[in-house]
Amino acid sequence: MLDELSRLSKMDSGFLTSIDREIDRIQLQMEDEMPARLKAYAQYVQDCVPRLGKKSARQMGRFLSIRRTMILHKLPPVIDEWFYELVKSGIEERHAYYNKEFLNICQTHWNHVRPRVKEQWDCDIGDFPAAKLQTDLEVYKERLGRSIYMPLKDFGIKPCLSKLFLDQEDVMRTEIKLMLLLVILGALLGCFGEHAAGFACVGAALAVWVGGNLGLAWMQFRLSRQIVAAAAEMHIAVECGLRTPLYEAMISGLSDYRKLYADIRGQVAGGVEYLQPLLNARYDLFYKLTVQKHRFRI
C-alpha cells in the first residue's frame, strides 16, 4: 500500500502531467482559431465604415440652411464618437461570445477531469468557478475596444471628416451670405420700381440656393467615397493591432484555468511529506529484518 501511495504521490502515473498536456492542446486549438477571429473582428469594422459615410451624409442635411451651417463644425466629433460606440459595442458582443466559447471548453474539460481525479485520488475538486474566469476575461473588453479604434485614427478618417465638414461650412456660409445679399438687393430694387431687376435678383438667389443644394449632395457623395477609400486597408491594421491583446486574453484565461489544479498539486505535495517518514520507517524495518534473516541463516 505504501508503495502504491508513493507511486501516485510522486506522479509516476503521469496523471497531473497529462492534464497539463490536455490544457496545452486547448491552447494550441485556440491559437489555430485566432486568425479566423481576428479576420472576423476586422471584417466587422470594415463593414461599419460605409455606415459611417452614410451617417455623416445624413448629418450634413439635404438642404442648405442657416441652422445647418451653424452646427456643421460640431458634426465631426459627434460622428466620430458615434462610430466609436458602434464599433466598441460590436467588438464587445463578439468578444463576449468568444469568452463564452472559451468557458464552455474549460467547463467541458473540467467535467471530464473531475471523475478521473476522484478515481485517481479519491477526492472531489469541486465545481468549475465560471464566475471568476468570466470576471478576468471581462477586463479585456475595454482594451479591445480601444485597440480596435486606434487604426481608425491612424487611417485619417477623423481628419478627413473634419476637413470636409469645415470646407463645406465655408462654402455654405458664403452661399447664404450671397443669397441674403441678392434678396435684399431685389427688395430694394422692387421698392424703387425696378420690379424686373428685383425679380431677377430673387431668381439669382434661388439659383444660388439650388446650386448650393446640388453642391451639398456632391459633397455627401464625395465624403462617403473618401471615407471608404481611407479605410480600404484598415482590416490589416485591425488584425495586427488586436493580435497581442487577444493572445494575452487567451493566455491569461488558460493560466487562471491551470491554477484550478493547484489544490490537487498541494494534496500531492502534502501526501509526499506525509508518506516520506512512513516510507523511511518501512525501509529501516525492511533493512533490519533482512539483516536478522541473514544472521539466522549464518
Protein backbone atom coordinates (compact mmCIF):
# COMPACT_ATOMS: atom_id res chain seq x y z
CA MET A 1 0.00 0.00 0.00
CA LEU A 2 2.83 2.38 0.83
CA ASP A 3 4.50 1.60 -2.48
CA GLU A 4 1.27 2.37 -4.35
CA LEU A 5 0.66 5.61 -2.47
CA SER A 6 4.26 6.63 -3.01
CA ARG A 7 3.95 5.97 -6.73
CA LEU A 8 0.82 8.08 -7.01
CA SER A 9 2.23 10.84 -4.80
CA LYS A 10 5.35 11.14 -6.91
CA MET A 11 3.14 11.35 -10.02
CA ASP A 12 4.74 8.28 -11.55
CA SER A 13 1.34 7.65 -13.12
CA GLY A 14 1.68 10.92 -15.08
CA PHE A 15 -1.89 11.89 -14.26
CA LEU A 16 -1.33 15.57 -13.49
CA THR A 17 1.17 15.82 -16.32
CA SER A 18 -1.47 14.50 -18.70
CA ILE A 19 -3.86 17.25 -17.54
CA ASP A 20 -1.23 19.86 -18.40
CA ARG A 21 -0.83 18.31 -21.82
CA GLU A 22 -4.59 18.49 -22.34
CA ILE A 23 -4.59 22.19 -21.43
CA ASP A 24 -1.71 22.70 -23.86
CA ARG A 25 -3.84 21.10 -26.56
CA ILE A 26 -6.66 23.52 -25.72
CA GLN A 27 -4.23 26.41 -26.10
CA LEU A 28 -3.00 25.15 -29.47
CA GLN A 29 -6.59 24.75 -30.63
CA MET A 30 -7.43 28.34 -29.68
CA GLU A 31 -4.23 29.63 -31.29
CA ASP A 32 -5.22 27.89 -34.52
CA GLU A 33 -8.62 29.59 -34.36
CA MET A 34 -7.21 33.06 -33.61
CA PRO A 35 -6.57 34.11 -37.26
CA ALA A 36 -10.24 33.47 -38.06
CA ARG A 37 -11.32 35.51 -35.04
CA LEU A 38 -9.03 38.39 -35.99
CA LYS A 39 -10.43 38.31 -39.50
CA ALA A 40 -13.98 38.41 -38.12
CA TYR A 41 -13.16 41.47 -35.99
CA ALA A 42 -11.50 43.21 -38.94
CA GLN A 43 -14.38 42.40 -41.30
CA TYR A 44 -16.87 43.81 -38.81
CA VAL A 45 -15.00 47.12 -38.58
CA GLN A 46 -14.65 47.24 -42.35
CA ASP A 47 -18.40 46.74 -42.74
CA CYS A 48 -19.06 49.65 -40.38
CA VAL A 49 -17.06 52.11 -42.49
CA PRO A 50 -19.77 52.64 -45.18
CA ARG A 51 -22.25 53.18 -42.38
CA LEU A 52 -20.01 55.95 -41.11
CA GLY A 53 -20.18 57.59 -44.54
CA LYS A 54 -23.96 57.34 -44.70
CA LYS A 55 -24.34 58.67 -41.17
CA SER A 56 -22.06 61.59 -41.99
CA ALA A 57 -24.05 62.39 -45.13
CA ARG A 58 -27.31 62.39 -43.20
CA GLN A 59 -25.87 64.69 -40.56
CA MET A 60 -24.92 67.18 -43.26
CA GLY A 61 -28.57 67.51 -44.23
CA ARG A 62 -30.36 67.71 -47.56
CA PHE A 63 -30.98 71.44 -47.90
CA LEU A 64 -28.89 74.50 -47.39
CA SER A 65 -29.95 76.41 -44.27
CA ILE A 66 -28.59 78.83 -41.70
CA ARG A 67 -29.12 76.36 -38.87
CA ARG A 68 -27.28 73.60 -40.73
CA THR A 69 -24.39 75.95 -41.33
CA MET A 70 -24.20 76.91 -37.66
CA ILE A 71 -23.93 73.31 -36.41
CA LEU A 72 -21.80 71.92 -39.23
CA HIS A 73 -18.49 72.39 -37.40
CA LYS A 74 -19.80 70.34 -34.45
CA LEU A 75 -20.58 67.24 -36.50
CA PRO A 76 -17.14 65.57 -36.91
CA PRO A 77 -16.64 64.91 -33.17
CA VAL A 78 -20.24 63.72 -32.84
CA ILE A 79 -19.92 61.27 -35.73
CA ASP A 80 -16.52 60.16 -34.50
CA GLU A 81 -17.98 59.34 -31.09
CA TRP A 82 -20.95 57.59 -32.67
CA PHE A 83 -18.70 55.40 -34.78
CA TYR A 84 -16.52 54.55 -31.78
CA GLU A 85 -19.52 53.43 -29.75
CA LEU A 86 -20.81 51.39 -32.68
CA VAL A 87 -17.51 49.60 -33.17
CA LYS A 88 -16.88 49.19 -29.46
CA SER A 89 -20.27 47.63 -28.75
CA GLY A 90 -19.94 45.28 -31.69
CA ILE A 91 -16.47 44.17 -30.64
CA GLU A 92 -17.62 43.62 -27.07
CA GLU A 93 -20.51 41.45 -28.27
CA ARG A 94 -18.18 39.30 -30.35
CA HIS A 95 -15.59 39.09 -27.60
CA ALA A 96 -18.27 38.07 -25.09
CA TYR A 97 -19.26 35.28 -27.49
CA TYR A 98 -15.67 34.05 -27.71
CA ASN A 99 -15.30 34.29 -23.91
CA LYS A 100 -18.38 32.12 -23.52
CA GLU A 101 -16.94 29.66 -26.00
CA PHE A 102 -13.68 29.56 -24.02
CA LEU A 103 -15.54 28.99 -20.76
CA ASN A 104 -17.53 26.16 -22.35
CA ILE A 105 -14.31 24.46 -23.47
CA CYS A 106 -12.84 24.74 -19.97
CA GLN A 107 -16.11 23.60 -18.38
CA THR A 108 -16.27 20.54 -20.62
CA HIS A 109 -12.68 19.65 -19.82
CA TRP A 110 -13.26 20.20 -16.11
CA ASN A 111 -16.29 17.90 -16.09
CA HIS A 112 -14.23 15.28 -17.88
CA VAL A 113 -11.33 15.60 -15.42
CA ARG A 114 -13.38 15.56 -12.20
CA PRO A 115 -14.33 11.84 -12.25
CA ARG A 116 -10.76 10.92 -13.24
CA VAL A 117 -9.43 12.91 -10.26
CA LYS A 118 -11.87 11.22 -7.92
CA GLU A 119 -10.95 7.82 -9.27
CA GLN A 120 -7.22 8.51 -9.07
CA TRP A 121 -7.08 10.37 -5.75
CA ASP A 122 -10.41 9.55 -4.13
CA CYS A 123 -11.22 13.26 -3.75
CA ASP A 124 -13.52 15.84 -5.34
CA ILE A 125 -12.08 19.03 -6.86
CA GLY A 126 -15.34 20.97 -6.60
CA ASP A 127 -17.31 22.92 -9.16
CA PHE A 128 -15.99 24.91 -12.07
CA PRO A 129 -15.63 28.60 -10.99
CA ALA A 130 -17.01 30.18 -14.14
CA ALA A 131 -17.71 33.50 -12.45
CA LYS A 132 -14.05 34.06 -11.56
CA LEU A 133 -12.77 33.28 -15.05
CA GLN A 134 -15.51 35.40 -16.64
CA THR A 135 -14.52 38.35 -14.45
CA ASP A 136 -10.90 38.02 -15.55
CA LEU A 137 -11.88 37.89 -19.21
CA GLU A 138 -14.22 40.89 -18.94
CA VAL A 139 -11.19 43.06 -18.18
CA TYR A 140 -10.15 42.84 -21.82
CA LYS A 141 -13.37 44.33 -23.22
CA GLU A 142 -12.35 47.95 -22.85
CA ARG A 143 -8.85 47.20 -24.01
CA LEU A 144 -10.14 45.52 -27.14
CA GLY A 145 -12.43 48.47 -27.84
CA ARG A 146 -9.54 50.92 -27.57
CA SER A 147 -7.17 48.74 -29.54
CA ILE A 148 -9.54 48.33 -32.44
CA TYR A 149 -10.32 52.03 -32.59
CA MET A 150 -6.72 53.17 -32.91
CA PRO A 151 -6.41 52.12 -36.60
CA LEU A 152 -9.38 54.36 -37.42
CA LYS A 153 -7.37 57.36 -36.30
CA ASP A 154 -4.21 56.08 -37.98
CA PHE A 155 -6.00 55.89 -41.31
CA GLY A 156 -7.03 59.54 -41.03
CA ILE A 157 -10.82 59.19 -41.09
CA LYS A 158 -11.33 61.78 -38.38
CA PRO A 159 -9.15 64.44 -40.10
CA CYS A 160 -10.92 63.61 -43.35
CA LEU A 161 -14.30 64.25 -41.72
CA SER A 162 -13.18 67.49 -40.12
CA LYS A 163 -11.68 68.86 -43.32
CA LEU A 164 -14.70 68.04 -45.47
CA PHE A 165 -17.16 69.48 -42.98
CA LEU A 166 -15.16 72.65 -42.45
CA ASP A 167 -14.70 73.14 -46.19
CA GLN A 168 -18.41 72.70 -46.73
CA GLU A 169 -19.18 75.07 -43.85
CA ASP A 170 -17.19 77.89 -45.50
CA VAL A 171 -18.91 77.30 -48.85
CA MET A 172 -22.36 77.23 -47.27
CA ARG A 173 -21.74 80.43 -45.31
CA THR A 174 -20.62 82.19 -48.49
CA GLU A 175 -23.68 80.96 -50.40
CA ILE A 176 -26.08 82.04 -47.65
CA LYS A 177 -24.50 85.50 -47.49
CA LEU A 178 -24.77 85.81 -51.26
CA MET A 179 -28.41 84.74 -51.20
CA LEU A 180 -29.30 87.24 -48.48
CA LEU A 181 -27.50 89.98 -50.38
CA LEU A 182 -29.39 89.18 -53.60
CA VAL A 183 -32.74 89.03 -51.77
CA ILE A 184 -32.09 92.41 -50.06
CA LEU A 185 -30.97 93.91 -53.36
CA GLY A 186 -34.10 92.57 -55.12
CA ALA A 187 -36.30 94.03 -52.39
CA LEU A 188 -34.64 97.43 -52.67
CA LEU A 189 -34.99 97.41 -56.46
CA GLY A 190 -38.66 96.44 -56.11
CA CYS A 191 -39.19 99.35 -53.73
CA PHE A 192 -37.75 101.74 -56.31
CA GLY A 193 -39.99 100.38 -59.03
CA GLU A 194 -37.43 98.19 -60.73
CA HIS A 195 -39.59 95.08 -60.48
CA ALA A 196 -37.91 93.18 -63.31
CA ALA A 197 -34.47 93.67 -61.78
CA GLY A 198 -35.84 92.78 -58.36
CA PHE A 199 -37.32 89.53 -59.62
CA ALA A 200 -34.02 88.80 -61.38
CA CYS A 201 -32.12 89.19 -58.11
CA VAL A 202 -34.55 86.93 -56.28
CA GLY A 203 -34.25 84.39 -59.12
CA ALA A 204 -30.47 84.58 -58.85
CA ALA A 205 -30.73 83.95 -55.09
CA LEU A 206 -32.92 80.93 -55.78
CA ALA A 207 -30.41 79.67 -58.32
CA VAL A 208 -27.62 80.03 -55.77
CA TRP A 209 -29.69 78.07 -53.24
CA VAL A 210 -30.41 75.28 -55.74
CA GLY A 211 -26.76 75.21 -56.76
CA GLY A 212 -25.73 75.05 -53.11
CA ASN A 213 -28.01 72.05 -52.52
CA LEU A 214 -26.55 70.30 -55.55
CA GLY A 215 -23.07 71.05 -54.20
CA LEU A 216 -24.13 69.66 -50.84
CA ALA A 217 -25.28 66.43 -52.48
CA TRP A 218 -21.96 66.20 -54.30
CA MET A 219 -20.13 66.77 -51.01
CA GLN A 220 -22.07 63.93 -49.38
CA PHE A 221 -21.16 61.57 -52.21
CA ARG A 222 -17.53 62.66 -52.07
CA LEU A 223 -17.49 62.21 -48.29
CA SER A 224 -18.69 58.62 -48.49
CA ARG A 225 -16.19 57.79 -51.21
CA GLN A 226 -13.26 59.30 -49.31
CA ILE A 227 -14.13 57.54 -46.06
CA VAL A 228 -14.29 54.17 -47.79
CA ALA A 229 -11.03 54.89 -49.65
CA ALA A 230 -9.28 55.97 -46.44
CA ALA A 231 -10.27 52.73 -44.73
CA ALA A 232 -9.61 50.37 -47.65
CA GLU A 233 -6.70 48.62 -45.89
CA MET A 234 -7.95 49.12 -42.35
CA HIS A 235 -8.53 45.41 -41.82
CA ILE A 236 -4.76 44.84 -41.90
CA ALA A 237 -4.16 47.32 -39.09
CA VAL A 238 -7.07 45.88 -37.09
CA GLU A 239 -5.69 42.34 -37.33
CA CYS A 240 -2.19 43.48 -36.35
CA GLY A 241 -3.43 45.69 -33.51
CA LEU A 242 -5.69 43.06 -31.96
CA ARG A 243 -3.37 40.07 -32.21
CA THR A 244 -1.49 40.85 -28.99
CA PRO A 245 -4.45 41.69 -26.69
CA LEU A 246 -6.41 38.68 -27.93
CA TYR A 247 -3.44 36.38 -27.37
CA GLU A 248 -2.87 37.80 -23.89
CA ALA A 249 -6.54 37.35 -23.03
CA MET A 250 -6.37 33.71 -24.06
CA ILE A 251 -3.11 33.04 -22.18
CA SER A 252 -4.43 34.81 -19.08
CA GLY A 253 -7.61 32.74 -19.12
CA LEU A 254 -5.71 29.47 -19.55
CA SER A 255 -3.27 30.48 -16.82
CA ASP A 256 -6.16 31.00 -14.42
CA TYR A 257 -7.62 27.67 -15.52
CA ARG A 258 -4.34 25.90 -14.77
CA LYS A 259 -4.36 27.38 -11.26
CA LEU A 260 -7.58 25.49 -10.51
CA TYR A 261 -5.46 22.34 -10.25
CA ALA A 262 -3.19 23.89 -7.62
CA ASP A 263 -5.22 22.23 -4.84
CA ILE A 264 -4.59 18.81 -6.34
CA ARG A 265 -0.88 19.51 -6.60
CA GLY A 266 -0.94 20.69 -2.99
CA GLN A 267 -2.56 17.44 -1.92
CA VAL A 268 0.09 15.52 -3.82
CA ALA A 269 2.88 17.51 -2.17
CA GLY A 270 1.24 17.05 1.24
CA GLY A 271 0.90 13.33 0.59
CA VAL A 272 4.59 13.07 -0.20
CA GLU A 273 5.52 14.85 3.04
CA TYR A 274 3.18 12.59 5.00
CA LEU A 275 4.32 9.36 3.37
CA GLN A 276 8.03 10.02 3.41
CA PRO A 277 8.52 9.28 7.17
CA LEU A 278 6.40 6.15 6.79
CA LEU A 279 8.46 5.01 3.84
CA ASN A 280 11.69 5.70 5.68
CA ALA A 281 10.44 3.69 8.65
CA ARG A 282 9.41 0.88 6.29
CA TYR A 283 12.80 0.82 4.64
CA ASP A 284 14.52 0.78 8.05
CA LEU A 285 12.33 -2.05 9.19
CA PHE A 286 12.92 -3.97 5.97
CA TYR A 287 16.66 -3.47 6.38
CA LYS A 288 16.61 -4.73 9.98
CA LEU A 289 14.54 -7.78 9.06
CA THR A 290 16.88 -8.56 6.21
CA VAL A 291 19.90 -8.33 8.49
CA GLN A 292 18.25 -10.56 11.12
CA LYS A 293 17.26 -13.09 8.46
CA HIS A 294 20.84 -13.18 7.21
CA ARG A 295 22.16 -13.73 10.79
CA PHE A 296 19.75 -16.58 11.41
CA ARG A 297 20.96 -18.27 8.24
CA ILE A 298 24.52 -17.97 9.42
